[in-house]
PDB file of N, CA and C in Angstrom:
ATOM      1  N   MET A   1       8.567 -11.889  11.384  1.00  0.00           N
ATOM      2  CA  MET A   1       8.139 -10.969  10.343  1.00  0.00           C
ATOM      3  C   MET A   1       9.152  -9.895  10.219  1.00  0.00           C
ATOM      4  N   LEU A   2       9.423  -9.835   8.935  1.00  0.00           N
ATOM      5  CA  LEU A   2      10.367  -8.615   8.350  1.00  0.00           C
ATOM      6  C   LEU A   2       9.631  -7.810   7.434  1.00  0.00           C
ATOM      7  N   ASP A   3       9.636  -6.546   7.678  1.00  0.00           N
ATOM      8  CA  ASP A   3       8.881  -5.635   6.847  1.00  0.00           C
ATOM      9  C   ASP A   3       9.909  -4.667   6.063  1.00  0.00           C
ATOM     10  N   ASN A   4       9.430  -4.347   4.810  1.00  0.00           N
ATOM     11  CA  ASN A   4      10.225  -3.440   4.163  1.00  0.00           C
ATOM     12  C   ASN A   4      11.538  -3.906   3.753  1.00  0.00           C
ATOM     13  N   PHE A   5      11.595  -5.211   3.547  1.00  0.00           N
ATOM     14  CA  PHE A   5      12.985  -5.918   3.263  1.00  0.00           C
ATOM     15  C   PHE A   5      13.536  -5.631   2.064  1.00  0.00           C
ATOM     16  N   GLU A   6      12.964  -4.875   1.022  1.00  0.00           N
ATOM     17  CA  GLU A   6      13.716  -4.604  -0.301  1.00  0.00           C
ATOM     18  C   GLU A   6      15.000  -3.799   0.053  1.00  0.00           C
ATOM     19  N   GLN A   7      14.979  -3.190   1.083  1.00  0.00           N
ATOM     20  CA  GLN A   7      16.420  -2.564   1.420  1.00  0.00           C
ATOM     21  C   GLN A   7      17.648  -3.368   1.813  1.00  0.00           C
ATOM     22  N   LEU A   8      17.189  -4.724   2.216  1.00  0.00           N
ATOM     23  CA  LEU A   8      18.125  -5.577   2.481  1.00  0.00           C
ATOM     24  C   LEU A   8      18.323  -6.851   1.542  1.00  0.00           C
ATOM     25  N   VAL A   9      17.551  -6.910   0.502  1.00  0.00           N
ATOM     26  CA  VAL A   9      17.502  -8.066  -0.261  1.00  0.00           C
ATOM     27  C   VAL A   9      18.882  -8.506  -0.755  1.00  0.00           C
ATOM     28  N   ALA A  10      19.766  -7.642  -1.221  1.00  0.00           N
ATOM     29  CA  ALA A  10      21.096  -7.950  -1.535  1.00  0.00           C
ATOM     30  C   ALA A  10      21.907  -8.889  -0.474  1.00  0.00           C
ATOM     31  N   GLU A  11      21.958  -8.253   0.703  1.00  0.00           N
ATOM     32  CA  GLU A  11      22.610  -8.799   1.779  1.00  0.00           C
ATOM     33  C   GLU A  11      21.730  -9.858   2.592  1.00  0.00           C
ATOM     34  N   GLY A  12      20.553  -9.646   2.809  1.00  0.00           N
ATOM     35  CA  GLY A  12      19.750 -10.377   3.674  1.00  0.00           C
ATOM     36  C   GLY A  12      19.235 -11.612   3.192  1.00  0.00           C
ATOM     37  N   THR A  13      19.153 -11.927   2.001  1.00  0.00           N
ATOM     38  CA  THR A  13      18.510 -13.175   1.498  1.00  0.00           C
ATOM     39  C   THR A  13      19.547 -14.448   1.868  1.00  0.00           C
ATOM     40  N   ALA A  14      20.835 -14.259   1.895  1.00  0.00           N
ATOM     41  CA  ALA A  14      21.780 -15.344   2.180  1.00  0.00           C
ATOM     42  C   ALA A  14      21.501 -15.819   3.771  1.00  0.00           C
ATOM     43  N   VAL A  15      21.201 -14.798   4.589  1.00  0.00           N
ATOM     44  CA  VAL A  15      20.952 -14.918   5.947  1.00  0.00           C
ATOM     45  C   VAL A  15      19.683 -15.889   6.096  1.00  0.00           C
ATOM     46  N   LEU A  16      18.612 -15.445   5.327  1.00  0.00           N
ATOM     47  CA  LEU A  16      17.357 -15.932   5.396  1.00  0.00           C
ATOM     48  C   LEU A  16      17.387 -17.407   4.822  1.00  0.00           C
ATOM     49  N   SER A  17      18.114 -17.600   3.920  1.00  0.00           N
ATOM     50  CA  SER A  17      18.378 -18.944   3.445  1.00  0.00           C
ATOM     51  C   SER A  17      18.935 -19.916   4.255  1.00  0.00           C
ATOM     52  N   ASP A  18      19.964 -19.364   4.957  1.00  0.00           N
ATOM     53  CA  ASP A  18      20.645 -20.141   6.036  1.00  0.00           C
ATOM     54  C   ASP A  18      19.746 -20.463   7.164  1.00  0.00           C
ATOM     55  N   LEU A  19      18.995 -19.462   7.581  1.00  0.00           N
ATOM     56  CA  LEU A  19      17.943 -19.744   8.814  1.00  0.00           C
ATOM     57  C   LEU A  19      16.999 -20.890   8.346  1.00  0.00           C
ATOM     58  N   LEU A  20      16.486 -20.600   7.130  1.00  0.00           N
ATOM     59  CA  LEU A  20      15.451 -21.808   6.613  1.00  0.00           C
ATOM     60  C   LEU A  20      16.073 -23.037   6.445  1.00  0.00           C
ATOM     61  N   ALA A  21      17.300 -23.278   6.018  1.00  0.00           N
ATOM     62  CA  ALA A  21      17.962 -24.575   5.941  1.00  0.00           C
ATOM     63  C   ALA A  21      18.272 -25.056   7.266  1.00  0.00           C
ATOM     64  N   ALA A  22      18.410 -24.237   8.316  1.00  0.00           N
ATOM     65  CA  ALA A  22      18.774 -24.805   9.587  1.00  0.00           C
ATOM     66  C   ALA A  22      17.658 -25.430  10.406  1.00  0.00           C
ATOM     67  N   THR A  23      16.460 -25.312  10.032  1.00  0.00           N
ATOM     68  CA  THR A  23      15.311 -25.733  10.818  1.00  0.00           C
ATOM     69  C   THR A  23      14.113 -26.114   9.758  1.00  0.00           C
ATOM     70  N   ASP A  24      13.328 -26.945  10.175  1.00  0.00           N
ATOM     71  CA  ASP A  24      12.194 -27.210   9.451  1.00  0.00           C
ATOM     72  C   ASP A  24      10.795 -26.616   9.928  1.00  0.00           C
ATOM     73  N   SER A  25      11.090 -25.961  11.135  1.00  0.00           N
ATOM     74  CA  SER A  25       9.767 -25.379  11.680  1.00  0.00           C
ATOM     75  C   SER A  25       9.806 -23.913  11.562  1.00  0.00           C
ATOM     76  N   LEU A  26      10.624 -23.366  10.916  1.00  0.00           N
ATOM     77  CA  LEU A  26      10.590 -21.855  10.853  1.00  0.00           C
ATOM     78  C   LEU A  26       9.931 -21.267   9.560  1.00  0.00           C
ATOM     79  N   THR A  27       9.001 -20.501   9.802  1.00  0.00           N
ATOM     80  CA  THR A  27       8.257 -19.803   8.715  1.00  0.00           C
ATOM     81  C   THR A  27       8.469 -18.197   8.859  1.00  0.00           C
ATOM     82  N   LEU A  28       8.678 -17.701   7.841  1.00  0.00           N
ATOM     83  CA  LEU A  28       9.042 -16.216   7.724  1.00  0.00           C
ATOM     84  C   LEU A  28       7.973 -15.501   6.923  1.00  0.00           C
ATOM     85  N   LEU A  29       7.625 -14.326   7.402  1.00  0.00           N
ATOM     86  CA  LEU A  29       6.619 -13.548   6.799  1.00  0.00           C
ATOM     87  C   LEU A  29       7.437 -12.245   6.337  1.00  0.00           C
ATOM     88  N   VAL A  30       7.826 -11.984   4.981  1.00  0.00           N
ATOM     89  CA  VAL A  30       8.524 -10.962   4.570  1.00  0.00           C
ATOM     90  C   VAL A  30       7.798  -9.925   3.642  1.00  0.00           C
ATOM     91  N   THR A  31       7.832  -8.721   3.936  1.00  0.00           N
ATOM     92  CA  THR A  31       7.219  -7.824   3.042  1.00  0.00           C
ATOM     93  C   THR A  31       8.371  -7.032   2.206  1.00  0.00           C
ATOM     94  N   SER A  32       8.303  -6.962   0.960  1.00  0.00           N
ATOM     95  CA  SER A  32       9.210  -6.561   0.088  1.00  0.00           C
ATOM     96  C   SER A  32       8.684  -6.043  -1.333  1.00  0.00           C
ATOM     97  N   ARG A  33       9.211  -4.925  -1.751  1.00  0.00           N
ATOM     98  CA  ARG A  33       8.857  -4.427  -3.168  1.00  0.00           C
ATOM     99  C   ARG A  33       9.580  -5.290  -4.120  1.00  0.00           C
ATOM    100  N   GLU A  34      10.571  -5.960  -3.748  1.00  0.00           N
ATOM    101  CA  GLU A  34      11.478  -6.824  -4.685  1.00  0.00           C
ATOM    102  C   GLU A  34      11.367  -8.335  -4.342  1.00  0.00           C
ATOM    103  N   PRO A  35      11.257  -9.285  -5.329  1.00  0.00           N
ATOM    104  CA  PRO A  35      11.337 -10.621  -4.848  1.00  0.00           C
ATOM    105  C   PRO A  35      12.688 -11.040  -4.131  1.00  0.00           C
ATOM    106  N   LEU A  36      12.421 -12.100  -3.307  1.00  0.00           N
ATOM    107  CA  LEU A  36      13.779 -12.418  -2.632  1.00  0.00           C
ATOM    108  C   LEU A  36      14.503 -13.618  -3.483  1.00  0.00           C
ATOM    109  N   ASN A  37      13.637 -14.304  -4.303  1.00  0.00           N
ATOM    110  CA  ASN A  37      14.272 -15.417  -5.040  1.00  0.00           C
ATOM    111  C   ASN A  37      15.086 -16.397  -4.178  1.00  0.00           C
ATOM    112  N   ILE A  38      14.364 -16.778  -3.189  1.00  0.00           N
ATOM    113  CA  ILE A  38      14.962 -17.986  -2.248  1.00  0.00           C
ATOM    114  C   ILE A  38      13.818 -18.985  -2.263  1.00  0.00           C
ATOM    115  N   ARG A  39      14.259 -20.155  -1.906  1.00  0.00           N
ATOM    116  CA  ARG A  39      13.261 -21.288  -1.636  1.00  0.00           C
ATOM    117  C   ARG A  39      13.049 -21.364  -0.331  1.00  0.00           C
ATOM    118  N   PRO A  40      11.905 -21.806   0.186  1.00  0.00           N
ATOM    119  CA  PRO A  40      10.472 -21.727  -0.546  1.00  0.00           C
ATOM    120  C   PRO A  40       9.909 -20.327  -0.556  1.00  0.00           C
ATOM    121  N   GLU A  41       9.841 -19.533  -1.538  1.00  0.00           N
ATOM    122  CA  GLU A  41       9.272 -18.365  -1.486  1.00  0.00           C
ATOM    123  C   GLU A  41       7.909 -18.398  -2.166  1.00  0.00           C
ATOM    124  N   ARG A  42       6.853 -17.798  -1.417  1.00  0.00           N
ATOM    125  CA  ARG A  42       5.638 -17.713  -2.153  1.00  0.00           C
ATOM    126  C   ARG A  42       5.338 -16.154  -2.101  1.00  0.00           C
ATOM    127  N   ARG A  43       4.922 -15.790  -3.266  1.00  0.00           N
ATOM    128  CA  ARG A  43       4.654 -14.268  -3.409  1.00  0.00           C
ATOM    129  C   ARG A  43       3.237 -14.131  -3.576  1.00  0.00           C
ATOM    130  N   PHE A  44       2.813 -12.955  -2.977  1.00  0.00           N
ATOM    131  CA  PHE A  44       1.399 -12.397  -2.959  1.00  0.00           C
ATOM    132  C   PHE A  44       1.655 -11.003  -3.366  1.00  0.00           C
ATOM    133  N   VAL A  45       1.200 -10.604  -4.555  1.00  0.00           N
ATOM    134  CA  VAL A  45       1.213  -9.323  -4.858  1.00  0.00           C
ATOM    135  C   VAL A  45       0.013  -8.528  -4.474  1.00  0.00           C
ATOM    136  N   LEU A  46       0.272  -7.414  -3.918  1.00  0.00           N
ATOM    137  CA  LEU A  46      -0.937  -6.673  -3.483  1.00  0.00           C
ATOM    138  C   LEU A  46      -1.134  -5.329  -4.179  1.00  0.00           C
ATOM    139  N   ALA A  47      -2.408  -5.109  -4.693  1.00  0.00           N
ATOM    140  CA  ALA A  47      -2.523  -3.800  -5.390  1.00  0.00           C
ATOM    141  C   ALA A  47      -3.201  -2.757  -4.595  1.00  0.00           C
ATOM    142  N   GLY A  48      -2.981  -1.658  -4.986  1.00  0.00           N
ATOM    143  CA  GLY A  48      -3.638  -0.461  -4.339  1.00  0.00           C
ATOM    144  C   GLY A  48      -5.208  -0.506  -4.390  1.00  0.00           C
ATOM    145  N   LEU A  49      -5.778   0.437  -3.786  1.00  0.00           N
ATOM    146  CA  LEU A  49      -7.258   0.767  -3.803  1.00  0.00           C
ATOM    147  C   LEU A  49      -7.469   1.523  -5.321  1.00  0.00           C
ATOM    148  N   SER A  50      -8.732   1.270  -5.775  1.00  0.00           N
ATOM    149  CA  SER A  50      -8.985   1.916  -7.025  1.00  0.00           C
ATOM    150  C   SER A  50      -9.046   3.337  -6.824  1.00  0.00           C
ATOM    151  N   PHE A  51      -8.641   4.002  -7.901  1.00  0.00           N
ATOM    152  CA  PHE A  51      -8.611   5.581  -7.907  1.00  0.00           C
ATOM    153  C   PHE A  51      -8.996   5.945  -9.348  1.00  0.00           C
ATOM    154  N   PRO A  52      -9.526   7.135  -9.422  1.00  0.00           N
ATOM    155  CA  PRO A  52     -10.093   7.708 -10.744  1.00  0.00           C
ATOM    156  C   PRO A  52      -8.976   8.086 -11.813  1.00  0.00           C
ATOM    157  N   ALA A  53      -9.270   7.818 -12.943  1.00  0.00           N
ATOM    158  CA  ALA A  53      -8.489   8.154 -14.074  1.00  0.00           C
ATOM    159  C   ALA A  53      -8.408   9.682 -14.333  1.00  0.00           C
ATOM    160  N   GLU A  54      -7.414  10.232 -14.919  1.00  0.00           N
ATOM    161  CA  GLU A  54      -7.275  11.583 -15.137  1.00  0.00           C
ATOM    162  C   GLU A  54      -8.593  12.043 -15.787  1.00  0.00           C
ATOM    163  N   GLY A  55      -9.159  13.175 -15.279  1.00  0.00           N
ATOM    164  CA  GLY A  55     -10.500  13.841 -15.751  1.00  0.00           C
ATOM    165  C   GLY A  55     -11.734  13.080 -15.387  1.00  0.00           C
ATOM    166  N   GLU A  56     -11.458  11.834 -14.588  1.00  0.00           N
ATOM    167  CA  GLU A  56     -12.803  11.319 -14.038  1.00  0.00           C
ATOM    168  C   GLU A  56     -13.134  11.791 -12.630  1.00  0.00           C
ATOM    169  N   ALA A  57     -14.348  11.729 -12.451  1.00  0.00           N
ATOM    170  CA  ALA A  57     -14.824  12.247 -11.140  1.00  0.00           C
ATOM    171  C   ALA A  57     -14.404  11.479 -10.061  1.00  0.00           C
ATOM    172  N   ALA A  58     -13.857  11.986  -8.931  1.00  0.00           N
ATOM    173  CA  ALA A  58     -13.472  11.249  -7.636  1.00  0.00           C
ATOM    174  C   ALA A  58     -14.647  10.922  -6.812  1.00  0.00           C
ATOM    175  N   GLN A  59     -15.218   9.854  -6.997  1.00  0.00           N
ATOM    176  CA  GLN A  59     -16.512   9.645  -6.353  1.00  0.00           C
ATOM    177  C   GLN A  59     -16.190   8.395  -5.261  1.00  0.00           C
ATOM    178  N   PRO A  60     -16.404   8.880  -3.876  1.00  0.00           N
ATOM    179  CA  PRO A  60     -16.175   7.902  -2.853  1.00  0.00           C
ATOM    180  C   PRO A  60     -16.894   6.492  -2.991  1.00  0.00           C
ATOM    181  N   GLU A  61     -18.080   6.670  -3.679  1.00  0.00           N
ATOM    182  CA  GLU A  61     -18.905   5.399  -3.938  1.00  0.00           C
ATOM    183  C   GLU A  61     -18.311   4.439  -4.911  1.00  0.00           C
ATOM    184  N   VAL A  62     -17.419   4.971  -5.733  1.00  0.00           N
ATOM    185  CA  VAL A  62     -16.820   4.254  -6.895  1.00  0.00           C
ATOM    186  C   VAL A  62     -15.416   3.766  -6.665  1.00  0.00           C
ATOM    187  N   HIS A  63     -14.712   4.688  -5.952  1.00  0.00           N
ATOM    188  CA  HIS A  63     -13.273   4.447  -5.856  1.00  0.00           C
ATOM    189  C   HIS A  63     -12.823   4.218  -4.355  1.00  0.00           C
ATOM    190  N   GLY A  64     -12.183   3.129  -4.047  1.00  0.00           N
ATOM    191  CA  GLY A  64     -11.831   2.821  -2.794  1.00  0.00           C
ATOM    192  C   GLY A  64     -10.814   3.943  -2.099  1.00  0.00           C
ATOM    193  N   ALA A  65      -9.889   4.392  -3.034  1.00  0.00           N
ATOM    194  CA  ALA A  65      -8.958   5.414  -2.431  1.00  0.00           C
ATOM    195  C   ALA A  65      -9.660   6.654  -2.214  1.00  0.00           C
ATOM    196  N   VAL A  66     -10.498   7.053  -2.833  1.00  0.00           N
ATOM    197  CA  VAL A  66     -11.324   8.205  -2.504  1.00  0.00           C
ATOM    198  C   VAL A  66     -12.037   8.147  -1.462  1.00  0.00           C
ATOM    199  N   ARG A  67     -12.655   6.938  -1.150  1.00  0.00           N
ATOM    200  CA  ARG A  67     -13.546   6.624   0.002  1.00  0.00           C
ATOM    201  C   ARG A  67     -12.758   6.650   1.221  1.00  0.00           C
ATOM    202  N   LEU A  68     -11.505   6.099   1.295  1.00  0.00           N
ATOM    203  CA  LEU A  68     -10.587   6.065   2.334  1.00  0.00           C
ATOM    204  C   LEU A  68     -10.083   7.447   2.700  1.00  0.00           C
ATOM    205  N   PHE A  69      -9.854   8.208   1.542  1.00  0.00           N
ATOM    206  CA  PHE A  69      -9.320   9.691   1.849  1.00  0.00           C
ATOM    207  C   PHE A  69     -10.560  10.452   2.518  1.00  0.00           C
ATOM    208  N   GLU A  70     -11.650  10.206   2.155  1.00  0.00           N
ATOM    209  CA  GLU A  70     -12.877  10.908   2.882  1.00  0.00           C
ATOM    210  C   GLU A  70     -12.956  10.616   4.281  1.00  0.00           C
ATOM    211  N   GLN A  71     -13.017   9.227   4.491  1.00  0.00           N
ATOM    212  CA  GLN A  71     -13.230   8.682   5.863  1.00  0.00           C
ATOM    213  C   GLN A  71     -12.054   9.113   6.755  1.00  0.00           C
ATOM    214  N   VAL A  72     -10.815   9.205   6.356  1.00  0.00           N
ATOM    215  CA  VAL A  72      -9.671   9.680   7.148  1.00  0.00           C
ATOM    216  C   VAL A  72      -9.908  11.306   7.299  1.00  0.00           C
ATOM    217  N   GLY A  73     -10.216  11.985   6.201  1.00  0.00           N
ATOM    218  CA  GLY A  73     -10.446  13.373   6.459  1.00  0.00           C
ATOM    219  C   GLY A  73     -11.611  13.632   7.463  1.00  0.00           C
ATOM    220  N   GLN A  74     -12.543  12.878   7.496  1.00  0.00           N
ATOM    221  CA  GLN A  74     -13.678  12.896   8.536  1.00  0.00           C
ATOM    222  C   GLN A  74     -13.209  12.896   9.923  1.00  0.00           C
ATOM    223  N   ARG A  75     -12.185  12.035  10.081  1.00  0.00           N
ATOM    224  CA  ARG A  75     -11.770  11.912  11.396  1.00  0.00           C
ATOM    225  C   ARG A  75     -10.958  13.122  11.957  1.00  0.00           C
ATOM    226  N   VAL A  76     -10.396  13.725  10.933  1.00  0.00           N
ATOM    227  CA  VAL A  76      -9.642  15.003  11.277  1.00  0.00           C
ATOM    228  C   VAL A  76     -10.596  16.210  11.386  1.00  0.00           C
ATOM    229  N   GLN A  77     -11.567  16.225  10.291  1.00  0.00           N
ATOM    230  CA  GLN A  77     -12.474  17.304  10.288  1.00  0.00           C
ATOM    231  C   GLN A  77     -13.848  16.627  10.067  1.00  0.00           C
ATOM    232  N   PRO A  78     -14.727  16.599  10.985  1.00  0.00           N
ATOM    233  CA  PRO A  78     -15.897  15.755  10.897  1.00  0.00           C
ATOM    234  C   PRO A  78     -16.735  16.128   9.650  1.00  0.00           C
ATOM    235  N   ARG A  79     -16.771  17.254   9.155  1.00  0.00           N
ATOM    236  CA  ARG A  79     -17.713  17.732   8.063  1.00  0.00           C
ATOM    237  C   ARG A  79     -17.070  17.646   6.749  1.00  0.00           C
ATOM    238  N   PHE A  80     -15.779  16.992   6.713  1.00  0.00           N
ATOM    239  CA  PHE A  80     -15.167  17.078   5.456  1.00  0.00           C
ATOM    240  C   PHE A  80     -15.881  15.911   4.452  1.00  0.00           C
ATOM    241  N   ALA A  81     -15.998  16.347   3.216  1.00  0.00           N
ATOM    242  CA  ALA A  81     -16.500  15.533   2.249  1.00  0.00           C
ATOM    243  C   ALA A  81     -15.794  15.744   0.835  1.00  0.00           C
ATOM    244  N   VAL A  82     -15.765  14.738   0.039  1.00  0.00           N
ATOM    245  CA  VAL A  82     -15.146  14.976  -1.319  1.00  0.00           C
ATOM    246  C   VAL A  82     -16.226  15.391  -2.155  1.00  0.00           C
ATOM    247  N   GLY A  83     -16.046  16.508  -2.802  1.00  0.00           N
ATOM    248  CA  GLY A  83     -17.029  17.272  -3.517  1.00  0.00           C
ATOM    249  C   GLY A  83     -16.428  18.018  -4.735  1.00  0.00           C
ATOM    250  N   VAL A  84     -17.202  18.893  -5.257  1.00  0.00           N
ATOM    251  CA  VAL A  84     -16.700  19.486  -6.657  1.00  0.00           C
ATOM    252  C   VAL A  84     -15.577  20.350  -6.361  1.00  0.00           C
ATOM    253  N   GLU A  85     -15.455  20.935  -5.059  1.00  0.00           N
ATOM    254  CA  GLU A  85     -14.294  21.838  -4.779  1.00  0.00           C
ATOM    255  C   GLU A  85     -12.958  21.068  -4.668  1.00  0.00           C
ATOM    256  N   ASN A  86     -12.936  19.778  -4.212  1.00  0.00           N
ATOM    257  CA  ASN A  86     -11.787  19.066  -3.942  1.00  0.00           C
ATOM    258  C   ASN A  86     -11.509  17.950  -4.653  1.00  0.00           C
ATOM    259  N   GLU A  87     -12.547  17.511  -5.399  1.00  0.00           N
ATOM    260  CA  GLU A  87     -12.407  16.142  -6.135  1.00  0.00           C
ATOM    261  C   GLU A  87     -11.256  15.793  -7.102  1.00  0.00           C
ATOM    262  N   ALA A  88     -10.889  16.922  -7.776  1.00  0.00           N
ATOM    263  CA  ALA A  88      -9.795  16.836  -8.554  1.00  0.00           C
ATOM    264  C   ALA A  88      -8.514  16.597  -7.942  1.00  0.00           C
ATOM    265  N   ALA A  89      -8.306  17.337  -6.759  1.00  0.00           N
ATOM    266  CA  ALA A  89      -6.982  17.192  -5.902  1.00  0.00           C
ATOM    267  C   ALA A  89      -7.057  15.744  -5.264  1.00  0.00           C
ATOM    268  N   VAL A  90      -8.228  15.327  -4.812  1.00  0.00           N
ATOM    269  CA  VAL A  90      -8.308  14.033  -4.179  1.00  0.00           C
ATOM    270  C   VAL A  90      -8.017  12.933  -5.146  1.00  0.00           C
ATOM    271  N   GLY A  91      -8.520  12.992  -6.378  1.00  0.00           N
ATOM    272  CA  GLY A  91      -8.244  12.121  -7.322  1.00  0.00           C
ATOM    273  C   GLY A  91      -6.801  12.065  -7.812  1.00  0.00           C
ATOM    274  N   ARG A  92      -6.227  13.209  -7.910  1.00  0.00           N
ATOM    275  CA  ARG A  92      -4.752  13.302  -8.243  1.00  0.00           C
ATOM    276  C   ARG A  92      -3.779  12.706  -7.255  1.00  0.00           C
ATOM    277  N   ILE A  93      -4.242  12.749  -5.791  1.00  0.00           N
ATOM    278  CA  ILE A  93      -3.537  12.252  -4.833  1.00  0.00           C
ATOM    279  C   ILE A  93      -3.629  10.722  -4.953  1.00  0.00           C
ATOM    280  N   GLY A  94      -4.827  10.224  -5.278  1.00  0.00           N
ATOM    281  CA  GLY A  94      -5.036   8.855  -5.440  1.00  0.00           C
ATOM    282  C   GLY A  94      -4.002   8.193  -6.527  1.00  0.00           C
ATOM    283  N   ARG A  95      -4.004   8.921  -7.677  1.00  0.00           N
ATOM    284  CA  ARG A  95      -3.244   8.593  -8.728  1.00  0.00           C
ATOM    285  C   ARG A  95      -1.671   8.592  -8.459  1.00  0.00           C
ATOM    286  N   LEU A  96      -1.236   9.698  -7.646  1.00  0.00           N
ATOM    287  CA  LEU A  96       0.149   9.935  -7.459  1.00  0.00           C
ATOM    288  C   LEU A  96       0.591   8.788  -6.472  1.00  0.00           C
ATOM    289  N   VAL A  97      -0.237   8.370  -5.616  1.00  0.00           N
ATOM    290  CA  VAL A  97       0.219   7.170  -4.705  1.00  0.00           C
ATOM    291  C   VAL A  97      -0.217   5.890  -5.095  1.00  0.00           C
ATOM    292  N   GLN A  98      -0.859   5.745  -6.146  1.00  0.00           N
ATOM    293  CA  GLN A  98      -1.250   4.492  -6.892  1.00  0.00           C
ATOM    294  C   GLN A  98      -2.180   3.761  -5.784  1.00  0.00           C
ATOM    295  N   GLY A  99      -2.938   4.411  -5.147  1.00  0.00           N
ATOM    296  CA  GLY A  99      -3.998   3.890  -4.215  1.00  0.00           C
ATOM    297  C   GLY A  99      -3.470   3.085  -3.024  1.00  0.00           C
ATOM    298  N   ILE A 100      -2.276   3.449  -2.661  1.00  0.00           N
ATOM    299  CA  ILE A 100      -1.682   2.660  -1.560  1.00  0.00           C
ATOM    300  C   ILE A 100      -2.376   3.258  -0.204  1.00  0.00           C
ATOM    301  N   PRO A 101      -2.933   2.403   0.508  1.00  0.00           N
ATOM    302  CA  PRO A 101      -3.700   2.867   1.656  1.00  0.00           C
ATOM    303  C   PRO A 101      -2.922   3.850   2.722  1.00  0.00           C
ATOM    304  N   LEU A 102      -1.658   3.315   3.013  1.00  0.00           N
ATOM    305  CA  LEU A 102      -0.977   4.155   4.031  1.00  0.00           C
ATOM    306  C   LEU A 102      -0.594   5.528   3.321  1.00  0.00           C
ATOM    307  N   ALA A 103      -0.183   5.617   2.263  1.00  0.00           N
ATOM    308  CA  ALA A 103       0.051   7.116   1.711  1.00  0.00           C
ATOM    309  C   ALA A 103      -1.300   7.745   1.636  1.00  0.00           C
ATOM    310  N   ILE A 104      -2.480   7.264   1.424  1.00  0.00           N
ATOM    311  CA  ILE A 104      -3.724   8.052   1.388  1.00  0.00           C
ATOM    312  C   ILE A 104      -4.056   8.615   2.675  1.00  0.00           C
ATOM    313  N   GLU A 105      -3.746   7.704   3.861  1.00  0.00           N
ATOM    314  CA  GLU A 105      -3.989   8.055   5.192  1.00  0.00           C
ATOM    315  C   GLU A 105      -3.099   9.156   5.436  1.00  0.00           C
ATOM    316  N   LEU A 106      -1.925   9.086   5.174  1.00  0.00           N
ATOM    317  CA  LEU A 106      -0.901  10.273   5.492  1.00  0.00           C
ATOM    318  C   LEU A 106      -1.229  11.583   4.712  1.00  0.00           C
ATOM    319  N   ALA A 107      -1.702  11.417   3.535  1.00  0.00           N
ATOM    320  CA  ALA A 107      -2.087  12.536   2.711  1.00  0.00           C
ATOM    321  C   ALA A 107      -3.396  13.330   3.303  1.00  0.00           C
ATOM    322  N   ALA A 108      -4.332  12.447   3.815  1.00  0.00           N
ATOM    323  CA  ALA A 108      -5.700  12.910   4.148  1.00  0.00           C
ATOM    324  C   ALA A 108      -5.449  13.602   5.599  1.00  0.00           C
ATOM    325  N   HIS A 109      -4.358  13.382   6.338  1.00  0.00           N
ATOM    326  CA  HIS A 109      -4.319  13.932   7.695  1.00  0.00           C
ATOM    327  C   HIS A 109      -3.740  15.465   7.246  1.00  0.00           C
TER     328      HIS A 109
END
């Protein structure tokens, strides 16, 4: 498993191609924001969690990003809830990070 491979695509794909050509039993799992363009590459595009549009209410029951932010916030502060006083900020965070779960968790801490 190779994670965050987009930093190495230019230099690393030749090495991966050589490894794959050397054996029939090797399987690689590579995460990257950029396609590797090697054979046999299968791409799975992962989308972020849903988040509210600008001006839309940040409701945990509607948007996965808001729900995750609230859940992580409650681990840090048990009485935390997304409500009128913070929903604009939580919605903006969801939009800024495009619903990426790790970024939401980091922001909620």
